[in-house]
Amino acid sequence: MWTHIASASSEGNQLDLYERNGVHMIRADGWELMNGEYHASEDRLGCLAGLLPSTPHPKILVGGLGLGYTLASLLETLNAGIRPTRARITVAERSGAVLHWFRTRINPRLAATLSSGVRLIESDVIAHLCADRHWDVIVLDVDNGPEALSTPANATLYGEQGLARCRDSLAPAGHLLLWTGFEDATFIERARAAGFSVTRQSISLPTRPDQAHALYVLSRQPLSSADRERFGLHG
């Protein structure tokens, strides 16, 4: 049974933190927003974010901290690289409560060992999107996918104007990565209309055979067939 351990209000939403056998879950207004029992797709998202940049000193923007699995996987992938990589990582989490829970309850060990190249800031990821940013990778893990479940303002990110803003904030060979709890063909159409080449990957849930999460990789330049195969992506 899940044990409720903390509550907070965030921009009109009720956030609740639960724990069971050392694993955490966050609900937003009663909806399960993130669950540490099923984080294979977040692990893969962080891995892709670390593998895709071609520069040795990538600038990476992560929208949404959540339970920290995406960040942990990103750091592990970068640290395991064949050549040393000094990445500059900004994690923009709009909920101060989520940041506090991460540092004090969810993963205080990781929080205490982050290097100076990793910034966790209380901010809306939209504030970090502008044409002079030149991010090598932008990761969006701010909701349940390309819809505004937890925060209505998130819808701005998923429309054509929001996607165009993301595209213009990327370096010429940059990538926008999106975690989603469901496939969305209309989102793919909007992404292509905004000038992205779109590939994706489906991640099955071992304990939920009827469900799967999806990762979308939106690239300013199309990935080669060799890279698509290497990263396990398809069109």
C-alpha atoms as a PDB file:
ATOM      1  CA  MET A   1       0.000   0.000   0.000  1.00  0.00           C
ATOM      2  CA  TRP A   2       1.206   3.491  -0.834  1.00  0.00           C
ATOM      3  CA  THR A   3       1.861   5.789   2.123  1.00  0.00           C
ATOM      4  CA  HIS A   4       1.052   9.466   1.718  1.00  0.00           C
ATOM      5  CA  ILE A   5       4.019  11.500   2.970  1.00  0.00           C
ATOM      6  CA  ALA A   6       3.623  15.065   1.708  1.00  0.00           C
ATOM      7  CA  SER A   7       1.258  17.499  -0.016  1.00  0.00           C
ATOM      8  CA  ALA A   8       1.735  20.853  -1.713  1.00  0.00           C
ATOM      9  CA  SER A   9      -0.155  23.332  -3.834  1.00  0.00           C
ATOM     10  CA  SER A  10       1.407  24.257  -7.165  1.00  0.00           C
ATOM     11  CA  GLU A  11      -0.241  26.832  -9.429  1.00  0.00           C
ATOM     12  CA  GLY A  12      -3.703  25.726  -8.434  1.00  0.00           C
ATOM     13  CA  ASN A  13      -2.912  21.994  -8.517  1.00  0.00           C
ATOM     14  CA  GLN A  14      -2.832  19.696  -5.515  1.00  0.00           C
ATOM     15  CA  LEU A  15       0.367  17.630  -5.560  1.00  0.00           C
ATOM     16  CA  ASP A  16       0.702  14.576  -3.335  1.00  0.00           C
ATOM     17  CA  LEU A  17       3.836  12.517  -2.732  1.00  0.00           C
ATOM     18  CA  TYR A  18       3.541   8.836  -1.851  1.00  0.00           C
ATOM     19  CA  GLU A  19       6.108   6.178  -0.924  1.00  0.00           C
ATOM     20  CA  ARG A  20       6.089   2.389  -0.988  1.00  0.00           C
ATOM     21  CA  ASN A  21       9.145   0.225  -0.278  1.00  0.00           C
ATOM     22  CA  GLY A  22      11.498   3.094  -1.071  1.00  0.00           C
ATOM     23  CA  VAL A  23       9.731   3.943  -4.352  1.00  0.00           C
ATOM     24  CA  HIS A  24       7.887   7.233  -4.835  1.00  0.00           C
ATOM     25  CA  MET A  25       4.833   8.390  -6.733  1.00  0.00           C
ATOM     26  CA  ILE A  26       3.409  11.865  -7.339  1.00  0.00           C
ATOM     27  CA  ARG A  27      -0.243  12.571  -8.060  1.00  0.00           C
ATOM     28  CA  ALA A  28      -1.641  15.826  -9.434  1.00  0.00           C
ATOM     29  CA  ASP A  29      -5.240  16.491  -8.383  1.00  0.00           C
ATOM     30  CA  GLY A  30      -5.643  12.761  -7.829  1.00  0.00           C
ATOM     31  CA  TRP A  31      -4.187  11.754 -11.220  1.00  0.00           C
ATOM     32  CA  GLU A  32      -1.061   9.604 -11.203  1.00  0.00           C
ATOM     33  CA  LEU A  33       1.534  11.892 -12.753  1.00  0.00           C
ATOM     34  CA  MET A  34       4.695   9.860 -12.179  1.00  0.00           C
ATOM     35  CA  ASN A  35       5.360   6.468 -10.636  1.00  0.00           C
ATOM     36  CA  GLY A  36       8.817   5.159  -9.726  1.00  0.00           C
ATOM     37  CA  GLU A  37       7.694   1.573 -10.267  1.00  0.00           C
ATOM     38  CA  TYR A  38       7.613   2.178 -14.021  1.00  0.00           C
ATOM     39  CA  HIS A  39      10.576   4.258 -15.130  1.00  0.00           C
ATOM     40  CA  ALA A  40      12.071   2.300 -18.045  1.00  0.00           C
ATOM     41  CA  SER A  41      10.876   4.950 -20.503  1.00  0.00           C
ATOM     42  CA  GLU A  42      12.345   7.794 -18.417  1.00  0.00           C
ATOM     43  CA  ASP A  43      15.620   5.859 -18.241  1.00  0.00           C
ATOM     44  CA  ARG A  44      15.614   5.516 -22.016  1.00  0.00           C
ATOM     45  CA  LEU A  45      14.711   9.179 -22.470  1.00  0.00           C
ATOM     46  CA  GLY A  46      17.734  10.257 -20.427  1.00  0.00           C
ATOM     47  CA  CYS A  47      19.946   7.797 -22.279  1.00  0.00           C
ATOM     48  CA  LEU A  48      18.905   9.174 -25.666  1.00  0.00           C
ATOM     49  CA  ALA A  49      19.466  12.729 -24.447  1.00  0.00           C
ATOM     50  CA  GLY A  50      23.041  11.764 -23.597  1.00  0.00           C
ATOM     51  CA  LEU A  51      23.724   9.813 -26.791  1.00  0.00           C
ATOM     52  CA  LEU A  52      22.279  12.134 -29.448  1.00  0.00           C
ATOM     53  CA  PRO A  53      24.525  15.225 -29.126  1.00  0.00           C
ATOM     54  CA  SER A  54      27.521  15.172 -31.462  1.00  0.00           C
ATOM     55  CA  THR A  55      29.406  17.930 -29.641  1.00  0.00           C
ATOM     56  CA  PRO A  56      31.728  17.070 -26.719  1.00  0.00           C
ATOM     57  CA  HIS A  57      30.306  19.931 -24.626  1.00  0.00           C
ATOM     58  CA  PRO A  58      26.545  19.768 -25.194  1.00  0.00           C
ATOM     59  CA  LYS A  59      24.014  22.203 -23.771  1.00  0.00           C
ATOM     60  CA  ILE A  60      21.003  20.246 -22.571  1.00  0.00           C
ATOM     61  CA  LEU A  61      17.704  21.608 -21.274  1.00  0.00           C
ATOM     62  CA  VAL A  62      15.450  19.241 -19.345  1.00  0.00           C
ATOM     63  CA  GLY A  63      11.902  20.430 -18.833  1.00  0.00           C
ATOM     64  CA  GLY A  64      10.513  18.706 -15.751  1.00  0.00           C
ATOM     65  CA  LEU A  65      12.443  17.000 -12.966  1.00  0.00           C
ATOM     66  CA  GLY A  66       9.751  14.660 -11.720  1.00  0.00           C
ATOM     67  CA  LEU A  67      11.235  11.796  -9.722  1.00  0.00           C
ATOM     68  CA  GLY A  68      14.656  12.383 -11.273  1.00  0.00           C
ATOM     69  CA  TYR A  69      14.983   9.181 -13.322  1.00  0.00           C
ATOM     70  CA  THR A  70      15.523  11.024 -16.610  1.00  0.00           C
ATOM     71  CA  LEU A  71      18.255  13.188 -15.092  1.00  0.00           C
ATOM     72  CA  ALA A  72      19.947  10.199 -13.431  1.00  0.00           C
ATOM     73  CA  SER A  73      19.997   8.255 -16.707  1.00  0.00           C
ATOM     74  CA  LEU A  74      21.285  11.279 -18.625  1.00  0.00           C
ATOM     75  CA  LEU A  75      24.177  11.729 -16.205  1.00  0.00           C
ATOM     76  CA  GLU A  76      24.986   8.023 -16.213  1.00  0.00           C
ATOM     77  CA  THR A  77      25.069   7.974 -20.029  1.00  0.00           C
ATOM     78  CA  LEU A  78      27.301  11.042 -20.233  1.00  0.00           C
ATOM     79  CA  ASN A  79      29.679   9.689 -17.597  1.00  0.00           C
ATOM     80  CA  ALA A  80      29.921   6.334 -19.380  1.00  0.00           C
ATOM     81  CA  GLY A  81      30.951   7.884 -22.705  1.00  0.00           C
ATOM     82  CA  ILE A  82      34.116   6.797 -24.477  1.00  0.00           C
ATOM     83  CA  ARG A  83      35.475  10.349 -24.405  1.00  0.00           C
ATOM     84  CA  PRO A  84      35.069  12.800 -21.523  1.00  0.00           C
ATOM     85  CA  THR A  85      31.996  14.973 -21.899  1.00  0.00           C
ATOM     86  CA  ARG A  86      31.486  18.235 -20.059  1.00  0.00           C
ATOM     87  CA  ALA A  87      27.818  18.894 -20.515  1.00  0.00           C
ATOM     88  CA  ARG A  88      25.965  21.935 -19.267  1.00  0.00           C
ATOM     89  CA  ILE A  89      22.582  20.748 -18.044  1.00  0.00           C
ATOM     90  CA  THR A  90      19.695  22.942 -16.948  1.00  0.00           C
ATOM     91  CA  VAL A  91      16.699  21.227 -15.349  1.00  0.00           C
ATOM     92  CA  ALA A  92      13.702  23.563 -15.280  1.00  0.00           C
ATOM     93  CA  GLU A  93      11.055  22.359 -12.813  1.00  0.00           C
ATOM     94  CA  ARG A  94       8.138  24.698 -12.279  1.00  0.00           C
ATOM     95  CA  SER A  95       7.147  23.199  -8.909  1.00  0.00           C
ATOM     96  CA  GLY A  96       9.249  24.221  -5.948  1.00  0.00           C
ATOM     97  CA  ALA A  97       7.629  21.372  -3.994  1.00  0.00           C
ATOM     98  CA  VAL A  98       8.897  18.772  -6.475  1.00  0.00           C
ATOM     99  CA  LEU A  99      12.415  20.236  -6.245  1.00  0.00           C
ATOM    100  CA  HIS A 100      12.244  20.141  -2.447  1.00  0.00           C
ATOM    101  CA  TRP A 101      10.948  16.569  -2.397  1.00  0.00           C
ATOM    102  CA  PHE A 102      13.683  15.459  -4.785  1.00  0.00           C
ATOM    103  CA  ARG A 103      16.418  16.977  -2.618  1.00  0.00           C
ATOM    104  CA  THR A 104      15.048  15.793   0.726  1.00  0.00           C
ATOM    105  CA  ARG A 105      13.002  12.636   0.152  1.00  0.00           C
ATOM    106  CA  ILE A 106      13.158  11.169  -3.360  1.00  0.00           C
ATOM    107  CA  ASN A 107      16.881  11.127  -4.182  1.00  0.00           C
ATOM    108  CA  PRO A 108      18.897  13.268  -1.753  1.00  0.00           C
ATOM    109  CA  ARG A 109      22.073  11.313  -2.591  1.00  0.00           C
ATOM    110  CA  LEU A 110      21.963  12.270  -6.278  1.00  0.00           C
ATOM    111  CA  ALA A 111      20.938  15.838  -5.436  1.00  0.00           C
ATOM    112  CA  ALA A 112      23.938  16.230  -3.124  1.00  0.00           C
ATOM    113  CA  THR A 113      26.458  14.976  -5.690  1.00  0.00           C
ATOM    114  CA  LEU A 114      25.444  17.009  -8.742  1.00  0.00           C
ATOM    115  CA  SER A 115      28.349  18.802 -10.372  1.00  0.00           C
ATOM    116  CA  SER A 116      28.513  22.541 -10.987  1.00  0.00           C
ATOM    117  CA  GLY A 117      27.561  21.840 -14.606  1.00  0.00           C
ATOM    118  CA  VAL A 118      24.063  20.744 -13.535  1.00  0.00           C
ATOM    119  CA  ARG A 119      21.532  23.373 -12.455  1.00  0.00           C
ATOM    120  CA  LEU A 120      18.177  22.542 -10.886  1.00  0.00           C
ATOM    121  CA  ILE A 121      16.038  25.657 -11.040  1.00  0.00           C
ATOM    122  CA  GLU A 122      12.446  26.505 -10.219  1.00  0.00           C
ATOM    123  CA  SER A 123      11.239  27.752 -13.563  1.00  0.00           C
ATOM    124  CA  ASP A 124       8.887  27.086 -16.435  1.00  0.00           C
ATOM    125  CA  VAL A 125      10.829  25.475 -19.289  1.00  0.00           C
ATOM    126  CA  ILE A 126       9.164  27.941 -21.674  1.00  0.00           C
ATOM    127  CA  ALA A 127      11.267  30.717 -20.132  1.00  0.00           C
ATOM    128  CA  HIS A 128      14.393  29.021 -21.509  1.00  0.00           C
ATOM    129  CA  LEU A 129      13.216  28.815 -25.100  1.00  0.00           C
ATOM    130  CA  CYS A 130      14.458  31.573 -27.375  1.00  0.00           C
ATOM    131  CA  ALA A 131      16.413  31.824 -30.613  1.00  0.00           C
ATOM    132  CA  ASP A 132      19.760  32.656 -29.018  1.00  0.00           C
ATOM    133  CA  ARG A 133      19.858  29.635 -26.685  1.00  0.00           C
ATOM    134  CA  HIS A 134      21.200  27.044 -29.169  1.00  0.00           C
ATOM    135  CA  TRP A 135      20.453  23.989 -27.034  1.00  0.00           C
ATOM    136  CA  ASP A 136      21.867  20.742 -28.403  1.00  0.00           C
ATOM    137  CA  VAL A 137      19.059  18.775 -26.779  1.00  0.00           C
ATOM    138  CA  ILE A 138      15.760  19.839 -25.230  1.00  0.00           C
ATOM    139  CA  VAL A 139      13.918  17.198 -23.205  1.00  0.00           C
ATOM    140  CA  LEU A 140      10.239  17.716 -22.399  1.00  0.00           C
ATOM    141  CA  ASP A 141       8.954  15.553 -19.565  1.00  0.00           C
ATOM    142  CA  VAL A 142       6.540  18.075 -18.113  1.00  0.00           C
ATOM    143  CA  ASP A 143       3.245  16.228 -18.348  1.00  0.00           C
ATOM    144  CA  ASN A 144       1.601  12.987 -19.445  1.00  0.00           C
ATOM    145  CA  GLY A 145       2.476  13.699 -23.058  1.00  0.00           C
ATOM    146  CA  PRO A 146       1.450  16.288 -25.653  1.00  0.00           C
ATOM    147  CA  GLU A 147      -1.572  17.426 -23.684  1.00  0.00           C
ATOM    148  CA  ALA A 148      -1.902  19.695 -20.662  1.00  0.00           C
ATOM    149  CA  LEU A 149      -2.890  17.345 -17.840  1.00  0.00           C
ATOM    150  CA  SER A 150      -1.174  18.848 -14.811  1.00  0.00           C
ATOM    151  CA  THR A 151      -0.866  22.474 -15.956  1.00  0.00           C
ATOM    152  CA  PRO A 152      -3.019  24.116 -18.683  1.00  0.00           C
ATOM    153  CA  ALA A 153      -0.108  26.347 -19.733  1.00  0.00           C
ATOM    154  CA  ASN A 154       1.774  23.247 -20.905  1.00  0.00           C
ATOM    155  CA  ALA A 155      -0.512  23.189 -23.941  1.00  0.00           C
ATOM    156  CA  THR A 156       1.572  26.084 -25.303  1.00  0.00           C
ATOM    157  CA  LEU A 157       4.489  23.703 -25.803  1.00  0.00           C
ATOM    158  CA  TYR A 158       2.627  21.241 -27.976  1.00  0.00           C
ATOM    159  CA  GLY A 159       1.021  23.520 -30.553  1.00  0.00           C
ATOM    160  CA  GLU A 160       2.700  24.605 -33.778  1.00  0.00           C
ATOM    161  CA  GLN A 161       3.886  27.902 -32.297  1.00  0.00           C
ATOM    162  CA  GLY A 162       5.369  26.181 -29.243  1.00  0.00           C
ATOM    163  CA  LEU A 163       7.081  23.579 -31.383  1.00  0.00           C
ATOM    164  CA  ALA A 164       8.465  26.303 -33.667  1.00  0.00           C
ATOM    165  CA  ARG A 165       9.814  28.082 -30.581  1.00  0.00           C
ATOM    166  CA  CYS A 166      11.510  24.848 -29.494  1.00  0.00           C
ATOM    167  CA  ARG A 167      12.965  24.366 -32.972  1.00  0.00           C
ATOM    168  CA  ASP A 168      14.367  27.893 -33.055  1.00  0.00           C
ATOM    169  CA  SER A 169      15.919  27.361 -29.607  1.00  0.00           C
ATOM    170  CA  LEU A 170      17.940  24.379 -30.834  1.00  0.00           C
ATOM    171  CA  ALA A 171      21.383  24.305 -32.387  1.00  0.00           C
ATOM    172  CA  PRO A 172      21.340  23.511 -36.144  1.00  0.00           C
ATOM    173  CA  ALA A 173      21.804  19.773 -35.443  1.00  0.00           C
ATOM    174  CA  GLY A 174      19.726  19.809 -32.235  1.00  0.00           C
ATOM    175  CA  HIS A 175      16.991  17.472 -31.055  1.00  0.00           C
ATOM    176  CA  LEU A 176      13.772  17.867 -29.100  1.00  0.00           C
ATOM    177  CA  LEU A 177      12.863  14.778 -27.052  1.00  0.00           C
ATOM    178  CA  LEU A 178       9.390  14.210 -25.662  1.00  0.00           C
ATOM    179  CA  TRP A 179       8.118  11.600 -23.211  1.00  0.00           C
ATOM    180  CA  THR A 180       4.492  10.615 -23.591  1.00  0.00           C
ATOM    181  CA  GLY A 181       2.183   8.063 -22.031  1.00  0.00           C
ATOM    182  CA  PHE A 182       0.396   7.537 -25.353  1.00  0.00           C
ATOM    183  CA  GLU A 183       0.872   7.716 -29.123  1.00  0.00           C
ATOM    184  CA  ASP A 184      -0.441  10.891 -30.738  1.00  0.00           C
ATOM    185  CA  ALA A 185      -0.598  11.011 -34.540  1.00  0.00           C
ATOM    186  CA  THR A 186      -1.870  14.604 -34.604  1.00  0.00           C
ATOM    187  CA  PHE A 187       1.118  15.720 -32.542  1.00  0.00           C
ATOM    188  CA  ILE A 188       3.453  14.094 -35.085  1.00  0.00           C
ATOM    189  CA  GLU A 189       1.684  16.011 -37.851  1.00  0.00           C
ATOM    190  CA  ARG A 190       2.131  19.296 -35.968  1.00  0.00           C
ATOM    191  CA  ALA A 191       5.803  18.542 -35.336  1.00  0.00           C
ATOM    192  CA  ARG A 192       6.426  17.913 -39.014  1.00  0.00           C
ATOM    193  CA  ALA A 193       4.528  21.061 -39.916  1.00  0.00           C
ATOM    194  CA  ALA A 194       6.863  22.943 -37.565  1.00  0.00           C
ATOM    195  CA  GLY A 195       9.868  21.718 -39.545  1.00  0.00           C
ATOM    196  CA  PHE A 196      10.958  18.687 -37.532  1.00  0.00           C
ATOM    197  CA  SER A 197      11.967  15.250 -38.725  1.00  0.00           C
ATOM    198  CA  VAL A 198      10.170  12.837 -36.379  1.00  0.00           C
ATOM    199  CA  THR A 199      11.252   9.415 -35.146  1.00  0.00           C
ATOM    200  CA  ARG A 200       9.959   7.529 -32.148  1.00  0.00           C
ATOM    201  CA  GLN A 201      10.362   4.531 -29.906  1.00  0.00           C
ATOM    202  CA  SER A 202       7.803   2.546 -27.941  1.00  0.00           C
ATOM    203  CA  ILE A 203       8.669   1.298 -24.447  1.00  0.00           C
ATOM    204  CA  SER A 204       6.573  -1.564 -23.079  1.00  0.00           C
ATOM    205  CA  LEU A 205       5.705  -1.770 -19.396  1.00  0.00           C
ATOM    206  CA  PRO A 206       6.616  -5.214 -17.984  1.00  0.00           C
ATOM    207  CA  THR A 207       3.859  -5.176 -15.371  1.00  0.00           C
ATOM    208  CA  ARG A 208       1.277  -3.487 -17.605  1.00  0.00           C
ATOM    209  CA  PRO A 209       1.144  -5.470 -20.880  1.00  0.00           C
ATOM    210  CA  ASP A 210      -1.848  -3.440 -22.075  1.00  0.00           C
ATOM    211  CA  GLN A 211       0.070  -0.172 -21.951  1.00  0.00           C
ATOM    212  CA  ALA A 212       3.214   1.353 -23.453  1.00  0.00           C
ATOM    213  CA  HIS A 213       4.978   4.670 -23.229  1.00  0.00           C
ATOM    214  CA  ALA A 214       6.387   6.437 -26.272  1.00  0.00           C
ATOM    215  CA  LEU A 215       9.419   8.629 -26.862  1.00  0.00           C
ATOM    216  CA  TYR A 216       9.398  11.131 -29.720  1.00  0.00           C
ATOM    217  CA  VAL A 217      12.661  12.452 -31.147  1.00  0.00           C
ATOM    218  CA  LEU A 218      12.123  15.643 -33.138  1.00  0.00           C
ATOM    219  CA  SER A 219      15.275  16.587 -35.043  1.00  0.00           C
ATOM    220  CA  ARG A 220      16.143  19.735 -36.959  1.00  0.00           C
ATOM    221  CA  GLN A 221      18.149  17.565 -39.358  1.00  0.00           C
ATOM    222  CA  PRO A 222      16.942  14.048 -40.246  1.00  0.00           C
ATOM    223  CA  LEU A 223      18.807  11.254 -38.529  1.00  0.00           C
ATOM    224  CA  SER A 224      20.702   8.891 -40.790  1.00  0.00           C
ATOM    225  CA  SER A 225      19.387   5.357 -41.176  1.00  0.00           C
ATOM    226  CA  ALA A 226      22.471   4.147 -39.296  1.00  0.00           C
ATOM    227  CA  ASP A 227      21.707   6.447 -36.354  1.00  0.00           C
ATOM    228  CA  ARG A 228      18.042   5.463 -36.330  1.00  0.00           C
ATOM    229  CA  GLU A 229      19.077   1.824 -36.134  1.00  0.00           C
ATOM    230  CA  ARG A 230      21.746   2.527 -33.510  1.00  0.00           C
ATOM    231  CA  PHE A 231      19.304   4.394 -31.276  1.00  0.00           C
ATOM    232  CA  GLY A 232      16.395   2.018 -31.879  1.00  0.00           C
ATOM    233  CA  LEU A 233      14.189   4.684 -33.503  1.00  0.00           C
ATOM    234  CA  HIS A 234      11.690   4.378 -36.335  1.00  0.00           C
ATOM    235  CA  GLY A 235       9.712   6.843 -38.385  1.00  0.00           C
END
